[in-house]
C-alpha atoms as a PDB file:
ATOM      1  CA  MET A   1      31.762  -1.014  31.249  1.00  0.00           C
ATOM      2  CA  SER A   2      33.983  -3.057  33.478  1.00  0.00           C
ATOM      3  CA  LYS A   3      34.118  -6.722  33.069  1.00  0.00           C
ATOM      4  CA  HIS A   4      31.525  -7.456  35.421  1.00  0.00           C
ATOM      5  CA  GLU A   5      28.794  -5.488  34.077  1.00  0.00           C
ATOM      6  CA  PHE A   6      26.857  -6.707  31.234  1.00  0.00           C
ATOM      7  CA  ASN A   7      23.178  -5.940  30.075  1.00  0.00           C
ATOM      8  CA  VAL A   8      20.236  -8.362  29.374  1.00  0.00           C
ATOM      9  CA  TYR A   9      18.253  -7.785  26.283  1.00  0.00           C
ATOM     10  CA  GLY A  10      14.403  -9.601  25.877  1.00  0.00           C
ATOM     11  CA  LEU A  11      14.122 -11.030  22.482  1.00  0.00           C
ATOM     12  CA  PRO A  12      10.846 -11.384  20.497  1.00  0.00           C
ATOM     13  CA  THR A  13       8.619 -14.481  21.369  1.00  0.00           C
ATOM     14  CA  HIS A  14       5.710 -15.923  19.182  1.00  0.00           C
ATOM     15  CA  GLU A  15       3.927 -18.998  18.959  1.00  0.00           C
ATOM     16  CA  LEU A  16       3.259 -21.203  16.248  1.00  0.00           C
ATOM     17  CA  PRO A  17       0.027 -20.567  13.820  1.00  0.00           C
ATOM     18  CA  LEU A  18      -2.679 -23.193  14.565  1.00  0.00           C
ATOM     19  CA  PHE A  19      -3.260 -25.225  11.342  1.00  0.00           C
ATOM     20  CA  GLN A  20      -6.305 -27.590  12.184  1.00  0.00           C
ATOM     21  CA  GLU A  21      -8.709 -30.149  10.874  1.00  0.00           C
ATOM     22  CA  LYS A  22     -12.308 -28.938  11.486  1.00  0.00           C
ATOM     23  CA  PRO A  23     -15.252 -31.320  11.358  1.00  0.00           C
ATOM     24  CA  GLY A  24     -17.252 -30.884   8.471  1.00  0.00           C
ATOM     25  CA  ARG A  25     -14.585 -28.908   6.072  1.00  0.00           C
ATOM     26  CA  GLU A  26     -12.421 -30.842   3.238  1.00  0.00           C
ATOM     27  CA  TRP A  27      -9.211 -28.425   3.727  1.00  0.00           C
ATOM     28  CA  VAL A  28      -7.193 -27.356   6.857  1.00  0.00           C
ATOM     29  CA  ASP A  29      -7.686 -23.887   8.067  1.00  0.00           C
ATOM     30  CA  TYR A  30      -4.597 -21.635   7.822  1.00  0.00           C
ATOM     31  CA  GLY A  31      -4.528 -20.187  11.226  1.00  0.00           C
ATOM     32  CA  TYR A  32      -7.094 -20.131  14.256  1.00  0.00           C
ATOM     33  CA  ASP A  33      -9.575 -17.766  11.918  1.00  0.00           C
ATOM     34  CA  ASN A  34      -8.457 -19.492   8.648  1.00  0.00           C
ATOM     35  CA  ALA A  35      -6.761 -15.652   7.790  1.00  0.00           C
ATOM     36  CA  TYR A  36      -3.171 -15.927   8.590  1.00  0.00           C
ATOM     37  CA  GLY A  37      -1.953 -15.513   5.297  1.00  0.00           C
ATOM     38  CA  ASP A  38      -4.066 -12.582   5.041  1.00  0.00           C
ATOM     39  CA  TYR A  39      -2.218 -11.227   8.247  1.00  0.00           C
ATOM     40  CA  LEU A  40       1.455 -12.480   6.939  1.00  0.00           C
ATOM     41  CA  ARG A  41       0.171 -10.244   4.015  1.00  0.00           C
ATOM     42  CA  ASP A  42      -1.330  -6.934   5.516  1.00  0.00           C
ATOM     43  CA  LEU A  43       1.940  -6.909   8.059  1.00  0.00           C
ATOM     44  CA  TYR A  44       4.000  -6.692   4.454  1.00  0.00           C
ATOM     45  CA  LEU A  45       1.592  -3.829   2.820  1.00  0.00           C
ATOM     46  CA  GLY A  46       1.931  -1.923   6.639  1.00  0.00           C
ATOM     47  CA  SER A  47       4.894  -1.710   7.542  1.00  0.00           C
ATOM     48  CA  SER A  48       7.895  -0.498   5.723  1.00  0.00           C
ATOM     49  CA  ILE A  49      10.723  -2.527   7.597  1.00  0.00           C
ATOM     50  CA  GLN A  50       8.716  -5.354   6.532  1.00  0.00           C
ATOM     51  CA  SER A  51       8.719  -4.641   2.961  1.00  0.00           C
ATOM     52  CA  ALA A  52      12.254  -4.076   2.477  1.00  0.00           C
ATOM     53  CA  VAL A  53      13.216  -7.071   4.145  1.00  0.00           C
ATOM     54  CA  VAL A  54      11.475  -9.640   2.684  1.00  0.00           C
ATOM     55  CA  SER A  55      11.084  -7.567  -0.922  1.00  0.00           C
ATOM     56  CA  GLY A  56      15.140  -7.879  -0.853  1.00  0.00           C
ATOM     57  CA  VAL A  57      15.776 -11.196   0.887  1.00  0.00           C
ATOM     58  CA  SER A  58      13.301 -12.463  -1.648  1.00  0.00           C
ATOM     59  CA  GLU A  59      15.562 -11.036  -4.774  1.00  0.00           C
ATOM     60  CA  MET A  60      18.543 -12.591  -3.451  1.00  0.00           C
ATOM     61  CA  ILE A  61      16.592 -16.033  -3.215  1.00  0.00           C
ATOM     62  CA  TYR A  62      15.823 -15.273  -7.036  1.00  0.00           C
ATOM     63  CA  GLY A  63      19.311 -14.143  -7.968  1.00  0.00           C
ATOM     64  CA  GLU A  64      19.990 -14.253 -11.465  1.00  0.00           C
ATOM     65  CA  GLY A  65      17.109 -16.395 -12.506  1.00  0.00           C
ATOM     66  CA  LEU A  66      17.009 -20.359 -12.879  1.00  0.00           C
ATOM     67  CA  ASP A  67      20.184 -22.240 -13.805  1.00  0.00           C
ATOM     68  CA  ALA A  68      21.518 -25.866 -14.080  1.00  0.00           C
ATOM     69  CA  THR A  69      24.692 -27.475 -13.561  1.00  0.00           C
ATOM     70  CA  ASP A  70      24.286 -29.982 -16.344  1.00  0.00           C
ATOM     71  CA  ARG A  71      22.655 -28.086 -19.136  1.00  0.00           C
ATOM     72  CA  GLU A  72      25.855 -28.809 -21.318  1.00  0.00           C
ATOM     73  CA  GLU A  73      25.642 -32.711 -20.812  1.00  0.00           C
ATOM     74  CA  LYS A  74      21.704 -32.491 -21.428  1.00  0.00           C
ATOM     75  CA  PRO A  75      21.199 -29.861 -23.354  1.00  0.00           C
ATOM     76  CA  GLU A  76      17.270 -31.232 -24.726  1.00  0.00           C
ATOM     77  CA  GLN A  77      16.051 -31.252 -20.903  1.00  0.00           C
ATOM     78  CA  TRP A  78      17.514 -27.798 -20.534  1.00  0.00           C
ATOM     79  CA  LEU A  79      15.722 -26.274 -23.471  1.00  0.00           C
ATOM     80  CA  LYS A  80      12.720 -27.947 -22.433  1.00  0.00           C
ATOM     81  CA  THR A  81      13.081 -25.946 -19.454  1.00  0.00           C
ATOM     82  CA  GLN A  82      13.400 -22.830 -20.869  1.00  0.00           C
ATOM     83  CA  LYS A  83      10.623 -23.552 -23.383  1.00  0.00           C
ATOM     84  CA  LEU A  84       8.127 -24.449 -20.213  1.00  0.00           C
ATOM     85  CA  LEU A  85       9.182 -21.115 -18.643  1.00  0.00           C
ATOM     86  CA  GLU A  86       8.599 -19.224 -21.483  1.00  0.00           C
ATOM     87  CA  ASN A  87       4.966 -20.641 -21.909  1.00  0.00           C
ATOM     88  CA  SER A  88       4.333 -20.110 -18.256  1.00  0.00           C
ATOM     89  CA  ASP A  89       3.622 -16.664 -16.733  1.00  0.00           C
ATOM     90  CA  GLU A  90       5.918 -14.119 -17.251  1.00  0.00           C
ATOM     91  CA  ASN A  91       7.539 -13.693 -13.635  1.00  0.00           C
ATOM     92  CA  ILE A  92       6.538 -16.925 -11.973  1.00  0.00           C
ATOM     93  CA  LEU A  93       9.903 -17.834 -10.890  1.00  0.00           C
ATOM     94  CA  ARG A  94      10.221 -14.149  -8.728  1.00  0.00           C
ATOM     95  CA  GLN A  95       6.694 -14.435  -7.626  1.00  0.00           C
ATOM     96  CA  LEU A  96       7.484 -18.042  -6.397  1.00  0.00           C
ATOM     97  CA  CYS A  97      10.604 -16.851  -4.328  1.00  0.00           C
ATOM     98  CA  PHE A  98       8.671 -14.017  -2.600  1.00  0.00           C
ATOM     99  CA  ASP A  99       5.916 -16.412  -1.221  1.00  0.00           C
ATOM    100  CA  LEU A 100       8.529 -18.453  -0.075  1.00  0.00           C
ATOM    101  CA  LYS A 101       9.852 -15.879   1.703  1.00  0.00           C
ATOM    102  CA  LEU A 102       6.663 -13.947   2.999  1.00  0.00           C
ATOM    103  CA  TYR A 103       4.489 -17.166   3.572  1.00  0.00           C
ATOM    104  CA  GLY A 104       7.042 -19.585   3.881  1.00  0.00           C
ATOM    105  CA  GLN A 105       5.689 -21.600   0.862  1.00  0.00           C
ATOM    106  CA  CYS A 106       4.923 -21.217  -2.707  1.00  0.00           C
ATOM    107  CA  TYR A 107       2.089 -22.982  -5.123  1.00  0.00           C
ATOM    108  CA  VAL A 108       2.621 -23.526  -8.794  1.00  0.00           C
ATOM    109  CA  GLN A 109      -0.625 -24.514 -10.748  1.00  0.00           C
ATOM    110  CA  VAL A 110       0.884 -27.575 -12.923  1.00  0.00           C
ATOM    111  CA  ILE A 111      -1.100 -27.533 -16.739  1.00  0.00           C
ATOM    112  CA  TRP A 112      -0.800 -30.950 -19.002  1.00  0.00           C
ATOM    113  CA  ASN A 113      -0.809 -30.581 -22.477  1.00  0.00           C
ATOM    114  CA  ARG A 114      -4.352 -32.036 -24.672  1.00  0.00           C
ATOM    115  CA  VAL A 115      -3.037 -35.328 -24.785  1.00  0.00           C
ATOM    116  CA  ARG A 116      -1.923 -35.602 -20.830  1.00  0.00           C
ATOM    117  CA  THR A 117       2.303 -36.260 -22.262  1.00  0.00           C
ATOM    118  CA  GLU A 118       4.045 -33.460 -20.932  1.00  0.00           C
ATOM    119  CA  ILE A 119       3.643 -30.088 -18.613  1.00  0.00           C
ATOM    120  CA  ALA A 120       2.514 -27.485 -21.217  1.00  0.00           C
ATOM    121  CA  GLU A 121       2.419 -24.569 -18.578  1.00  0.00           C
ATOM    122  CA  LEU A 122       3.023 -23.514 -15.166  1.00  0.00           C
ATOM    123  CA  ARG A 123       0.728 -20.672 -13.312  1.00  0.00           C
ATOM    124  CA  PHE A 124       1.738 -19.092 -10.087  1.00  0.00           C
ATOM    125  CA  ILE A 125      -1.179 -19.065  -7.299  1.00  0.00           C
ATOM    126  CA  PRO A 126      -0.776 -16.627  -4.605  1.00  0.00           C
ATOM    127  CA  ALA A 127       0.203 -18.581  -1.243  1.00  0.00           C
ATOM    128  CA  HIS A 128      -2.822 -16.907   0.749  1.00  0.00           C
ATOM    129  CA  SER A 129      -5.428 -18.621  -1.900  1.00  0.00           C
ATOM    130  CA  VAL A 130      -4.521 -22.156  -1.304  1.00  0.00           C
ATOM    131  CA  ARG A 131      -5.986 -24.377   1.420  1.00  0.00           C
ATOM    132  CA  THR A 132      -4.022 -27.986   1.974  1.00  0.00           C
ATOM    133  CA  GLY A 133      -6.755 -30.736   1.836  1.00  0.00           C
ATOM    134  CA  ILE A 134      -6.738 -33.228   4.672  1.00  0.00           C
ATOM    135  CA  ALA A 135      -4.155 -35.635   4.891  1.00  0.00           C
ATOM    136  CA  ASP A 136      -5.066 -39.688   4.647  1.00  0.00           C
ATOM    137  CA  ALA A 137      -4.200 -42.297   6.759  1.00  0.00           C
ATOM    138  CA  GLN A 138      -0.531 -42.749   5.112  1.00  0.00           C
ATOM    139  CA  GLY A 139       0.045 -38.688   5.599  1.00  0.00           C
ATOM    140  CA  LYS A 140      -0.360 -38.120   1.807  1.00  0.00           C
ATOM    141  CA  VAL A 141      -2.266 -34.646   0.841  1.00  0.00           C
ATOM    142  CA  ASP A 142      -3.915 -35.426  -2.681  1.00  0.00           C
ATOM    143  CA  CYS A 143      -5.656 -32.453  -3.180  1.00  0.00           C
ATOM    144  CA  TYR A 144      -5.955 -28.292  -2.797  1.00  0.00           C
ATOM    145  CA  TYR A 145      -8.548 -25.678  -1.801  1.00  0.00           C
ATOM    146  CA  VAL A 146      -7.954 -22.462  -3.654  1.00  0.00           C
ATOM    147  CA  SER A 147      -9.911 -18.965  -3.384  1.00  0.00           C
ATOM    148  CA  PRO A 148      -9.163 -15.759  -4.210  1.00  0.00           C
ATOM    149  CA  ASP A 149     -11.292 -14.484  -0.729  1.00  0.00           C
ATOM    150  CA  TRP A 150     -11.367 -16.930   1.930  1.00  0.00           C
ATOM    151  CA  SER A 151     -13.337 -14.537   4.050  1.00  0.00           C
ATOM    152  CA  ARG A 152     -15.944 -14.541   1.810  1.00  0.00           C
ATOM    153  CA  MET A 153     -16.066 -18.399   0.760  1.00  0.00           C
ATOM    154  CA  ARG A 154     -20.093 -18.755   1.154  1.00  0.00           C
ATOM    155  CA  GLU A 155     -20.552 -16.150  -2.228  1.00  0.00           C
ATOM    156  CA  SER A 156     -20.686 -18.105  -5.293  1.00  0.00           C
ATOM    157  CA  ARG A 157     -17.657 -16.199  -7.050  1.00  0.00           C
ATOM    158  CA  TYR A 158     -15.786 -16.631  -4.039  1.00  0.00           C
ATOM    159  CA  ALA A 159     -15.949 -20.720  -3.824  1.00  0.00           C
ATOM    160  CA  PRO A 160     -13.099 -23.000  -2.960  1.00  0.00           C
ATOM    161  CA  VAL A 161     -12.117 -24.603  -6.162  1.00  0.00           C
ATOM    162  CA  LYS A 162     -10.452 -28.113  -5.462  1.00  0.00           C
ATOM    163  CA  TYR A 163      -7.446 -29.430  -7.070  1.00  0.00           C
ATOM    164  CA  PRO A 164      -5.509 -32.390  -7.341  1.00  0.00           C
ATOM    165  CA  ALA A 165      -2.153 -32.523  -6.058  1.00  0.00           C
ATOM    166  CA  PHE A 166       0.559 -32.580  -8.757  1.00  0.00           C
ATOM    167  CA  ASP A 167       1.442 -36.554  -9.520  1.00  0.00           C
ATOM    168  CA  THR A 168       3.307 -37.918 -12.643  1.00  0.00           C
ATOM    169  CA  GLU A 169       1.467 -41.108 -12.666  1.00  0.00           C
ATOM    170  CA  ASP A 170      -1.937 -39.231 -12.422  1.00  0.00           C
ATOM    171  CA  ARG A 171      -2.813 -37.161 -15.237  1.00  0.00           C
ATOM    172  CA  THR A 172      -6.601 -37.279 -15.235  1.00  0.00           C
ATOM    173  CA  GLU A 173      -7.417 -33.849 -14.510  1.00  0.00           C
ATOM    174  CA  PRO A 174      -5.709 -30.939 -16.686  1.00  0.00           C
ATOM    175  CA  ALA A 175      -4.442 -29.062 -14.026  1.00  0.00           C
ATOM    176  CA  SER A 176      -3.293 -29.857 -10.519  1.00  0.00           C
ATOM    177  CA  VAL A 177      -1.888 -27.877  -7.416  1.00  0.00           C
ATOM    178  CA  TYR A 178       2.136 -28.455  -6.461  1.00  0.00           C
ATOM    179  CA  GLN A 179       3.489 -27.185  -2.989  1.00  0.00           C
ATOM    180  CA  ILE A 180       7.070 -26.158  -2.488  1.00  0.00           C
ATOM    181  CA  LYS A 181       7.883 -25.764   1.074  1.00  0.00           C
ATOM    182  CA  ALA A 182      11.012 -26.772   3.443  1.00  0.00           C
ATOM    183  CA  TYR A 183      10.828 -28.872   5.675  1.00  0.00           C
ATOM    184  CA  GLN A 184      10.270 -27.852   9.605  1.00  0.00           C
ATOM    185  CA  PRO A 185       9.764 -29.691  12.519  1.00  0.00           C
ATOM    186  CA  GLY A 186       6.494 -30.442  13.864  1.00  0.00           C
ATOM    187  CA  ILE A 187       4.659 -28.378  11.067  1.00  0.00           C
ATOM    188  CA  PHE A 188       2.873 -30.235   8.399  1.00  0.00           C
ATOM    189  CA  TYR A 189       0.403 -28.857   5.998  1.00  0.00           C
ATOM    190  CA  TYR A 190       1.648 -25.640   5.422  1.00  0.00           C
ATOM    191  CA  GLY A 191       4.832 -23.985   5.920  1.00  0.00           C
ATOM    192  CA  CYS A 192       6.101 -21.166   8.133  1.00  0.00           C
ATOM    193  CA  ARG A 193       8.840 -18.248   8.460  1.00  0.00           C
ATOM    194  CA  ILE A 194      11.267 -18.694  10.619  1.00  0.00           C
ATOM    195  CA  THR A 195      11.557 -14.563  10.798  1.00  0.00           C
ATOM    196  CA  LEU A 196       8.329 -14.446  13.378  1.00  0.00           C
ATOM    197  CA  GLY A 197      10.423 -12.159  15.705  1.00  0.00           C
ATOM    198  CA  LEU A 198      10.573  -9.585  12.871  1.00  0.00           C
ATOM    199  CA  ARG A 199       7.186  -9.903  12.046  1.00  0.00           C
ATOM    200  CA  THR A 200       6.121  -9.338  15.740  1.00  0.00           C
ATOM    201  CA  THR A 201       8.393  -6.304  15.721  1.00  0.00           C
ATOM    202  CA  SER A 202       7.262  -4.742  12.668  1.00  0.00           C
ATOM    203  CA  ASN A 203       3.382  -4.915  13.747  1.00  0.00           C
ATOM    204  CA  SER A 204       3.955  -2.732  16.650  1.00  0.00           C
ATOM    205  CA  ILE A 205       6.043   0.172  15.103  1.00  0.00           C
ATOM    206  CA  GLY A 206       4.383   2.954  14.408  1.00  0.00           C
ATOM    207  CA  ARG A 207       1.193   1.351  15.565  1.00  0.00           C
ATOM    208  CA  SER A 208      -0.877   3.086  19.090  1.00  0.00           C
ATOM    209  CA  PRO A 209      -2.594  -0.027  21.055  1.00  0.00           C
ATOM    210  CA  ARG A 210      -5.159   2.747  21.711  1.00  0.00           C
ATOM    211  CA  SER A 211      -6.771   2.666  17.969  1.00  0.00           C
ATOM    212  CA  THR A 212      -9.857   1.123  17.697  1.00  0.00           C
ATOM    213  CA  SER A 213      -8.495  -0.445  14.775  1.00  0.00           C
ATOM    214  CA  THR A 214      -5.390  -1.644  15.578  1.00  0.00           C
ATOM    215  CA  THR A 215      -6.729  -3.395  19.029  1.00  0.00           C
ATOM    216  CA  SER A 216      -8.737  -5.204  16.243  1.00  0.00           C
ATOM    217  CA  ARG A 217      -6.136  -5.986  14.596  1.00  0.00           C
ATOM    218  CA  THR A 218      -3.913  -7.269  17.230  1.00  0.00           C
ATOM    219  CA  ALA A 219      -6.439  -9.522  18.774  1.00  0.00           C
ATOM    220  CA  SER A 220      -6.891 -11.187  15.137  1.00  0.00           C
ATOM    221  CA  SER A 221      -3.434 -11.678  14.776  1.00  0.00           C
ATOM    222  CA  ARG A 222      -2.979 -13.169  18.450  1.00  0.00           C
ATOM    223  CA  ARG A 223      -5.848 -15.394  17.409  1.00  0.00           C
ATOM    224  CA  CYS A 224      -4.065 -16.745  14.201  1.00  0.00           C
ATOM    225  CA  CYS A 225      -0.431 -17.315  16.076  1.00  0.00           C
ATOM    226  CA  SER A 226      -2.034 -19.702  18.692  1.00  0.00           C
ATOM    227  CA  ARG A 227      -0.043 -23.100  19.437  1.00  0.00           C
ATOM    228  CA  SER A 228      -1.319 -25.974  17.790  1.00  0.00           C
ATOM    229  CA  THR A 229       0.105 -29.826  18.443  1.00  0.00           C
ATOM    230  CA  THR A 230      -2.419 -30.745  15.139  1.00  0.00           C
ATOM    231  CA  GLY A 231      -1.042 -32.640  12.366  1.00  0.00           C
ATOM    232  CA  SER A 232      -1.672 -35.096   9.938  1.00  0.00           C
ATOM    233  CA  PRO A 233      -2.462 -38.417  11.551  1.00  0.00           C
ATOM    234  CA  ALA A 234       1.043 -40.126   9.563  1.00  0.00           C
ATOM    235  CA  MET A 235       2.443 -36.753  11.692  1.00  0.00           C
ATOM    236  CA  ARG A 236       0.919 -37.379  15.005  1.00  0.00           C
ATOM    237  CA  ASN A 237       2.787 -41.591  14.755  1.00  0.00           C
ATOM    238  CA  GLY A 238       5.988 -39.794  13.690  1.00  0.00           C
ATOM    239  CA  GLY A 239       5.117 -40.021   9.892  1.00  0.00           C
ATOM    240  CA  PRO A 240       6.494 -37.216   7.171  1.00  0.00           C
ATOM    241  CA  SER A 241       6.273 -33.845   8.033  1.00  0.00           C
ATOM    242  CA  SER A 242       6.092 -32.452   4.204  1.00  0.00           C
ATOM    243  CA  ALA A 243       2.998 -32.159   2.358  1.00  0.00           C
ATOM    244  CA  THR A 244       4.825 -32.255  -1.232  1.00  0.00           C
END
């Protein structure tokens, strides 16, 4: 190839998922049809490339587990942390790292002891099962809703359960939910993965557009990924863009 010849490669493009407040609902929809989490989960389960990348990177995030640079200076706090993890879900740190990579966010259910003096236990909540409550005028989210299957939320066994957002000052309820996500400009309620281009590519590998089931899933994917300018009242006025 001479110095005057060059090649042009088209990079995958994407639109942001739609996080929308709808009249009559106390939570914010996760995607156009409130199924963006299921869409990401299905991509992971249906693509060997997607699965390998997400699993590998999440293990790199987890590394050798939790450590602290000042554990020798603060041994009592370090021992309390270790005891808390021992009383919590067995693989909670690895599960949180996995969801952080797959969904761009993860959730912890914080359980107080009976007298509300300290945290007794941490429980893992799958990210695709959580919907954030609507923020107040100051941009603060004070609750989350959890359902094992949002497509069947009208059934009693799948009805969303409301939990308060974790707050060290408000210990009224025995359990609360804490959201973990990185700051991303223009995105308020939920976290977003940055490898959207890979997701689009892996979604098309090995699938025929002539298949009826594939066509249905592709159409659903486009609905989930519609661009949104919806945010909290504070975000629309230049306020914070993190719900934690």
